[in-house]
N, C-alpha and C. Protein backbone atom coordinates (compact mmCIF):
# COMPACT_ATOMS: atom_id res chain seq x y z
N MET A 1 212.00 -14.97 34.93
CA MET A 1 211.74 -16.01 34.29
C MET A 1 212.85 -15.57 33.62
N ILE A 2 213.56 -14.35 33.24
CA ILE A 2 214.58 -14.82 32.45
C ILE A 2 215.57 -16.32 31.96
N ASP A 3 216.25 -16.22 33.48
CA ASP A 3 216.36 -16.98 34.00
C ASP A 3 215.98 -19.09 33.24
N LYS A 4 214.44 -18.61 33.44
CA LYS A 4 213.78 -19.40 32.40
C LYS A 4 213.75 -20.21 30.49
N ILE A 5 213.93 -18.81 30.31
CA ILE A 5 214.03 -18.27 29.00
C ILE A 5 215.15 -19.04 28.45
N LYS A 6 216.49 -18.29 29.44
CA LYS A 6 218.10 -19.29 28.97
C LYS A 6 217.93 -20.46 28.81
N TYR A 7 217.37 -21.10 30.29
CA TYR A 7 217.17 -22.81 29.98
C TYR A 7 216.50 -23.20 28.76
N TRP A 8 215.27 -22.88 29.09
CA TRP A 8 214.84 -23.65 27.53
C TRP A 8 215.75 -23.20 26.06
N LEU A 9 216.64 -21.78 26.01
CA LEU A 9 216.79 -21.79 24.76
C LEU A 9 218.20 -23.05 25.01
N ASN A 10 219.11 -22.40 25.72
CA ASN A 10 220.27 -23.22 26.13
C ASN A 10 220.16 -25.34 25.73
N LEU A 11 219.47 -25.92 26.53
CA LEU A 11 218.25 -27.03 25.77
C LEU A 11 218.20 -26.84 24.55
N SER A 12 217.97 -26.40 23.63
CA SER A 12 217.08 -25.62 22.63
C SER A 12 218.00 -26.10 21.49
N ASP A 13 219.24 -25.63 21.71
CA ASP A 13 221.04 -25.42 21.26
C ASP A 13 221.52 -26.35 21.18
N TYR A 14 221.13 -27.07 22.46
CA TYR A 14 221.87 -28.15 22.58
C TYR A 14 220.74 -29.98 22.01
N ASP A 15 219.75 -29.65 22.26
CA ASP A 15 219.14 -30.49 21.39
C ASP A 15 219.57 -30.93 19.99
N ILE A 16 219.77 -28.81 18.91
CA ILE A 16 219.54 -28.96 17.42
C ILE A 16 221.19 -29.72 17.06
N GLU A 17 222.63 -29.62 18.23
CA GLU A 17 223.37 -29.97 18.33
C GLU A 17 223.69 -31.66 18.18
N THR A 18 222.48 -32.35 19.08
CA THR A 18 222.41 -33.84 19.16
C THR A 18 222.08 -34.22 18.16
N ALA A 19 220.99 -33.46 17.44
CA ALA A 19 220.50 -33.83 16.07
C ALA A 19 221.78 -33.33 15.49
N VAL A 20 222.37 -33.30 15.25
CA VAL A 20 222.97 -32.86 13.52
C VAL A 20 224.60 -33.57 13.97
N ALA A 21 224.65 -34.08 15.34
CA ALA A 21 225.23 -35.37 16.12
C ALA A 21 224.43 -36.59 15.31
N MET A 22 223.38 -37.14 15.39
CA MET A 22 223.08 -38.04 14.98
C MET A 22 222.56 -38.42 13.67
N GLN A 23 222.80 -36.63 12.59
CA GLN A 23 222.10 -36.96 10.97
C GLN A 23 224.09 -37.47 10.91
N LYS A 24 225.15 -37.27 11.32
CA LYS A 24 226.33 -37.52 11.05
C LYS A 24 227.16 -39.33 11.28
N SER A 25 226.04 -39.61 12.18
CA SER A 25 225.94 -40.83 12.89
C SER A 25 224.91 -42.03 12.03
N LYS A 26 224.07 -41.22 11.06
CA LYS A 26 222.97 -41.53 10.63
C LYS A 26 222.43 -42.65 11.27
N ARG A 27 221.48 -42.35 12.64
CA ARG A 27 221.01 -42.12 13.16
C ARG A 27 219.63 -41.44 13.17
N TYR A 28 219.08 -42.11 12.25
CA TYR A 28 217.81 -41.04 10.94
C TYR A 28 216.61 -40.33 12.24
N LEU A 29 216.26 -41.58 12.59
CA LEU A 29 215.25 -41.62 13.98
C LEU A 29 214.94 -40.41 14.68
N TYR A 30 216.20 -40.93 15.77
CA TYR A 30 217.08 -39.18 16.04
C TYR A 30 217.38 -38.45 15.83
N VAL A 31 217.21 -37.62 14.37
CA VAL A 31 217.31 -36.39 14.29
C VAL A 31 215.73 -36.10 14.07
N GLY A 32 214.97 -37.19 13.70
CA GLY A 32 213.78 -36.34 14.14
C GLY A 32 212.65 -36.18 14.86
N PHE A 33 213.77 -37.04 15.98
CA PHE A 33 213.16 -36.90 17.54
C PHE A 33 213.65 -35.33 18.20
N MET A 34 215.31 -35.49 17.60
CA MET A 34 216.10 -34.52 18.45
C MET A 34 214.99 -33.18 17.83
N CYS A 35 215.36 -32.93 17.25
CA CYS A 35 214.49 -31.73 16.15
C CYS A 35 213.52 -31.48 16.96
N HIS A 36 212.19 -32.50 16.81
CA HIS A 36 210.94 -31.97 17.67
C HIS A 36 211.42 -31.26 19.17
N GLN A 37 212.38 -31.91 19.82
CA GLN A 37 212.80 -31.80 21.01
C GLN A 37 213.51 -29.97 20.91
N ALA A 38 214.05 -29.73 20.00
CA ALA A 38 214.58 -28.35 19.74
C ALA A 38 213.56 -27.83 19.71
N ILE A 39 212.76 -28.36 18.92
CA ILE A 39 211.59 -26.85 18.73
C ILE A 39 210.44 -26.66 19.94
N GLU A 40 210.15 -27.91 21.05
CA GLU A 40 209.40 -28.36 21.87
C GLU A 40 210.03 -27.08 23.01
N LYS A 41 210.82 -27.42 23.02
CA LYS A 41 211.92 -26.02 24.23
C LYS A 41 212.05 -24.89 23.41
N ILE A 42 212.35 -24.53 22.24
CA ILE A 42 212.50 -23.32 21.56
C ILE A 42 210.95 -22.71 22.03
N PHE A 43 209.83 -22.79 21.72
CA PHE A 43 208.24 -22.88 21.63
C PHE A 43 208.17 -22.88 23.74
N LYS A 44 208.95 -23.36 24.04
CA LYS A 44 208.44 -23.50 25.42
C LYS A 44 209.13 -22.02 26.11
N ALA A 45 210.56 -21.73 25.55
CA ALA A 45 210.92 -20.43 25.78
C ALA A 45 210.33 -19.34 25.58
N TYR A 46 209.69 -19.44 24.11
CA TYR A 46 208.94 -18.20 23.95
C TYR A 46 208.16 -17.83 24.25
N PHE A 47 206.72 -19.20 24.89
CA PHE A 47 205.80 -19.42 25.70
C PHE A 47 206.07 -18.59 26.98
N ILE A 48 207.56 -18.86 27.19
CA ILE A 48 207.64 -17.89 28.55
C ILE A 48 207.82 -16.24 28.91
N HIS A 49 208.49 -15.98 27.74
CA HIS A 49 208.85 -15.30 27.81
C HIS A 49 207.36 -14.11 26.81
N LEU A 50 206.08 -14.82 26.39
CA LEU A 50 204.99 -13.90 25.94
C LEU A 50 204.07 -13.76 27.16
N LYS A 51 203.71 -15.17 27.87
CA LYS A 51 203.07 -15.55 29.24
C LYS A 51 203.58 -15.03 30.51
N ASN A 52 204.84 -14.85 30.79
CA ASN A 52 205.24 -14.53 32.08
C ASN A 52 205.07 -15.28 33.15
N GLU A 53 204.91 -16.81 32.33
CA GLU A 53 204.39 -18.06 33.37
C GLU A 53 204.98 -19.66 32.76
N GLY A 54 205.17 -20.26 33.94
CA GLY A 54 205.11 -21.42 33.10
C GLY A 54 205.46 -21.98 31.71
N ALA A 55 205.67 -22.94 31.31
CA ALA A 55 205.20 -23.69 29.59
C ALA A 55 204.57 -24.23 30.50
N PRO A 56 203.46 -24.98 29.43
CA PRO A 56 202.55 -26.08 29.64
C PRO A 56 203.73 -27.17 29.57
N PHE A 57 203.05 -28.58 30.57
CA PHE A 57 203.76 -29.26 30.30
C PHE A 57 203.22 -30.61 29.50
N SER A 58 204.02 -30.11 28.39
CA SER A 58 203.14 -31.16 26.46
C SER A 58 204.23 -31.57 25.80
N HIS A 59 204.52 -32.55 25.25
CA HIS A 59 204.81 -32.48 24.03
C HIS A 59 204.46 -32.09 22.91
N SER A 60 203.15 -31.55 22.75
CA SER A 60 202.61 -31.57 21.01
C SER A 60 202.79 -29.61 21.36
N LEU A 61 203.72 -29.86 20.31
CA LEU A 61 204.00 -28.50 19.63
C LEU A 61 202.97 -27.43 19.70
N SER A 62 202.00 -27.81 18.56
CA SER A 62 201.09 -27.28 18.31
C SER A 62 199.90 -26.96 19.66
N TYR A 63 199.67 -27.54 20.54
CA TYR A 63 198.93 -26.80 21.39
C TYR A 63 200.36 -25.82 22.37
N ILE A 64 201.54 -25.85 22.67
CA ILE A 64 202.31 -25.53 23.37
C ILE A 64 202.34 -23.65 22.44
N ALA A 65 202.07 -23.51 21.53
CA ALA A 65 202.55 -22.46 20.55
C ALA A 65 200.50 -21.43 20.57
N LYS A 66 199.85 -22.71 20.97
CA LYS A 66 197.97 -22.18 20.61
C LYS A 66 198.43 -22.11 21.78
N LYS A 67 198.40 -21.91 23.06
CA LYS A 67 197.98 -21.87 24.52
C LYS A 67 198.57 -21.01 24.79
N GLY A 68 200.27 -20.29 23.35
CA GLY A 68 201.21 -19.27 23.95
C GLY A 68 200.77 -18.37 23.61
N GLY A 69 199.66 -18.59 22.45
CA GLY A 69 199.33 -16.96 21.33
C GLY A 69 200.07 -16.78 20.40
N PHE A 70 201.15 -17.71 19.87
CA PHE A 70 201.92 -17.34 18.41
C PHE A 70 201.24 -18.72 17.61
N TYR A 71 200.47 -18.81 18.11
CA TYR A 71 200.75 -20.42 16.65
C TYR A 71 199.81 -19.46 15.22
N LYS A 72 199.20 -18.29 15.85
CA LYS A 72 198.70 -17.30 14.72
C LYS A 72 200.24 -16.45 13.53
N GLU A 73 201.80 -16.84 14.49
CA GLU A 73 202.07 -15.61 13.70
C GLU A 73 203.18 -16.55 12.88
N PHE A 74 202.96 -17.63 12.62
CA PHE A 74 203.31 -18.52 12.44
C PHE A 74 202.64 -18.42 10.81
N SER A 75 203.90 -18.87 9.52
CA SER A 75 203.39 -18.83 8.08
C SER A 75 202.52 -20.56 7.64
N GLU A 76 202.19 -20.51 6.15
CA GLU A 76 201.78 -21.82 6.70
C GLU A 76 202.76 -22.93 6.86
N ASP A 77 203.59 -22.41 6.31
CA ASP A 77 204.94 -23.38 5.91
C ASP A 77 205.53 -23.73 7.07
N GLN A 78 205.92 -22.74 7.99
CA GLN A 78 205.96 -22.76 9.57
C GLN A 78 205.24 -23.51 10.00
N LYS A 79 203.49 -24.00 9.85
CA LYS A 79 202.80 -24.42 10.51
C LYS A 79 202.45 -25.96 9.79
N ASN A 80 202.52 -26.27 8.61
CA ASN A 80 203.08 -27.28 7.86
C ASN A 80 204.28 -28.11 8.61
N PHE A 81 205.45 -27.23 9.05
CA PHE A 81 206.30 -27.49 9.25
C PHE A 81 206.15 -28.04 10.65
N ILE A 82 205.91 -27.56 11.59
CA ILE A 82 205.10 -28.29 13.12
C ILE A 82 204.34 -29.65 12.50
N ASP A 83 203.13 -29.74 11.81
CA ASP A 83 202.95 -30.74 11.74
C ASP A 83 203.82 -31.65 11.17
N GLN A 84 204.18 -31.15 9.87
CA GLN A 84 205.43 -32.48 10.18
C GLN A 84 206.06 -33.52 11.45
N ILE A 85 206.70 -32.27 11.74
CA ILE A 85 207.44 -32.89 12.69
C ILE A 85 206.59 -33.43 14.30
N GLU A 86 205.80 -33.01 14.20
CA GLU A 86 204.76 -33.23 15.89
C GLU A 86 205.16 -34.70 15.93
N PRO A 87 204.79 -35.26 15.27
CA PRO A 87 204.46 -36.96 16.00
C PRO A 87 205.73 -37.82 15.91
N LEU A 88 207.02 -36.93 15.30
CA LEU A 88 208.53 -37.81 15.57
C LEU A 88 208.23 -37.48 17.05
N ASN A 89 207.89 -37.20 18.18
CA ASN A 89 208.52 -37.35 19.12
C ASN A 89 207.71 -38.42 19.86
N ILE A 90 206.75 -38.87 19.36
CA ILE A 90 206.25 -39.91 20.12
C ILE A 90 206.29 -41.09 18.93
N GLU A 91 206.63 -41.10 18.18
CA GLU A 91 206.56 -42.60 16.87
C GLU A 91 208.26 -42.88 17.34
N ALA A 92 209.13 -41.87 17.50
CA ALA A 92 210.43 -42.29 17.99
C ALA A 92 210.44 -43.06 18.77
N ARG A 93 209.63 -43.15 19.79
CA ARG A 93 209.56 -43.58 21.31
C ARG A 93 209.02 -44.91 21.17
N TYR A 94 208.82 -45.63 20.50
CA TYR A 94 207.58 -46.89 20.57
C TYR A 94 207.84 -47.79 19.43
N PRO A 95 208.45 -49.24 19.77
CA PRO A 95 208.89 -50.09 18.70
C PRO A 95 208.10 -50.04 17.46
N SER A 96 206.99 -49.98 18.18
CA SER A 96 205.63 -50.25 17.15
C SER A 96 206.34 -49.90 15.76
N HIS A 97 206.39 -48.08 16.28
CA HIS A 97 206.19 -46.94 14.90
C HIS A 97 207.56 -46.91 14.81
N LYS A 98 209.10 -47.13 15.21
CA LYS A 98 210.00 -47.61 14.51
C LYS A 98 210.69 -47.70 13.08
N GLU A 99 210.03 -48.95 12.87
CA GLU A 99 210.13 -49.64 12.21
C GLU A 99 209.60 -48.62 10.34
N ARG A 100 208.00 -48.48 10.78
CA ARG A 100 207.72 -47.24 9.89
C ARG A 100 207.99 -46.14 9.62
N LEU A 101 208.22 -45.07 10.83
CA LEU A 101 208.91 -44.07 10.99
C LEU A 101 210.27 -43.88 10.24
N LEU A 102 211.50 -45.13 10.19
CA LEU A 102 213.11 -45.43 9.88
C LEU A 102 212.89 -45.45 8.51
N LYS A 103 211.99 -45.93 7.14
CA LYS A 103 211.81 -45.80 6.74
C LYS A 103 211.33 -44.42 5.49
N SER A 104 211.22 -44.01 6.89
CA SER A 104 210.86 -42.27 5.72
C SER A 104 211.63 -41.12 5.83
N LEU A 105 213.06 -41.80 6.38
CA LEU A 105 213.17 -40.87 7.55
C LEU A 105 214.88 -41.16 6.83
N SER A 106 215.01 -40.50 5.23
CA SER A 106 215.74 -40.48 4.61
C SER A 106 216.93 -39.79 4.83
N LYS A 107 218.20 -40.13 4.30
CA LYS A 107 219.63 -39.12 5.21
C LYS A 107 218.80 -37.36 4.53
N GLU A 108 218.43 -37.72 2.80
CA GLU A 108 217.60 -36.32 2.57
C GLU A 108 216.41 -35.53 3.46
N LYS A 109 215.49 -36.20 3.74
CA LYS A 109 214.32 -36.41 4.69
C LYS A 109 215.13 -35.73 5.53
N CYS A 110 216.01 -35.99 7.03
CA CYS A 110 216.32 -35.34 7.94
C CYS A 110 217.39 -34.30 7.82
N GLN A 111 217.57 -33.89 6.39
CA GLN A 111 218.64 -33.03 6.74
C GLN A 111 217.46 -31.83 5.97
N GLU A 112 216.78 -32.05 5.83
CA GLU A 112 215.79 -30.75 5.47
C GLU A 112 214.76 -30.26 6.81
N ILE A 113 214.73 -31.60 7.42
CA ILE A 113 213.91 -31.65 8.68
C ILE A 113 214.71 -30.36 9.75
N LEU A 114 216.28 -30.48 9.52
CA LEU A 114 217.31 -30.48 10.63
C LEU A 114 217.63 -29.23 10.16
N ILE A 115 217.22 -28.23 8.93
CA ILE A 115 217.62 -27.36 8.10
C ILE A 115 216.64 -26.31 8.53
N ASN A 116 215.26 -26.84 8.35
CA ASN A 116 213.85 -26.44 8.83
C ASN A 116 213.51 -26.21 10.44
N THR A 117 214.64 -27.15 11.30
CA THR A 117 213.97 -26.57 12.41
C THR A 117 215.05 -25.22 12.46
N LYS A 118 216.69 -25.79 12.01
CA LYS A 118 217.42 -24.15 12.70
C LYS A 118 216.45 -22.46 12.23
N LYS A 119 216.13 -23.35 10.75
CA LYS A 119 215.29 -21.76 10.59
C LYS A 119 214.05 -21.36 11.30
N LEU A 120 213.33 -22.12 11.90
CA LEU A 120 212.36 -21.86 13.05
C LEU A 120 212.76 -21.59 14.22
N GLN A 121 213.37 -21.81 14.40
CA GLN A 121 214.54 -22.24 15.70
C GLN A 121 214.90 -20.23 15.69
N GLU A 122 215.63 -20.33 14.68
CA GLU A 122 216.69 -18.74 14.81
C GLU A 122 215.47 -17.50 14.72
N TRP A 123 213.90 -18.00 13.87
CA TRP A 123 213.27 -17.16 13.85
C TRP A 123 212.04 -16.79 15.17
N ILE A 124 212.87 -17.45 16.05
CA ILE A 124 211.87 -17.48 17.44
C ILE A 124 212.70 -16.49 18.41
N LYS A 125 214.08 -17.36 17.95
CA LYS A 125 214.94 -16.00 19.14
C LYS A 125 215.30 -14.66 18.20
N LEU A 126 214.93 -14.34 17.56
CA LEU A 126 214.80 -13.42 16.93
C LEU A 126 213.16 -12.23 17.72
N LYS A 127 212.89 -12.87 18.17
CA LYS A 127 211.39 -12.55 18.33
C LYS A 127 211.96 -12.50 19.93
N LEU A 128 212.84 -13.13 21.18
CA LEU A 128 213.23 -13.00 22.05
C LEU A 128 213.83 -11.92 22.46
């Protein structure tokens, strides 16, 4: 299971780096998407760490955290952040949602999402 945890950790780190690259290139839609991906993957690493079994096949952050039994560990701010980025996975994928989503993702908003993603990722890394 240690190899699977490392696998998800490495992917999470890669997705953070990609989110930073998207921020620099002003592709704000994909900043949110990659931040969601980074959190999803760190959640899967933590799930495996806690449960010693494969992570669920889901993109839902709250589902993975609840099924892993660690949702209750989050502060209210962390739960609010999870609620904020949860839809970025689906909405970024479908053209009908992209226009509306693009209007809500400014440079400043994406910077805030990146900062909060890094904080949550680091918080979980400390628990691994």
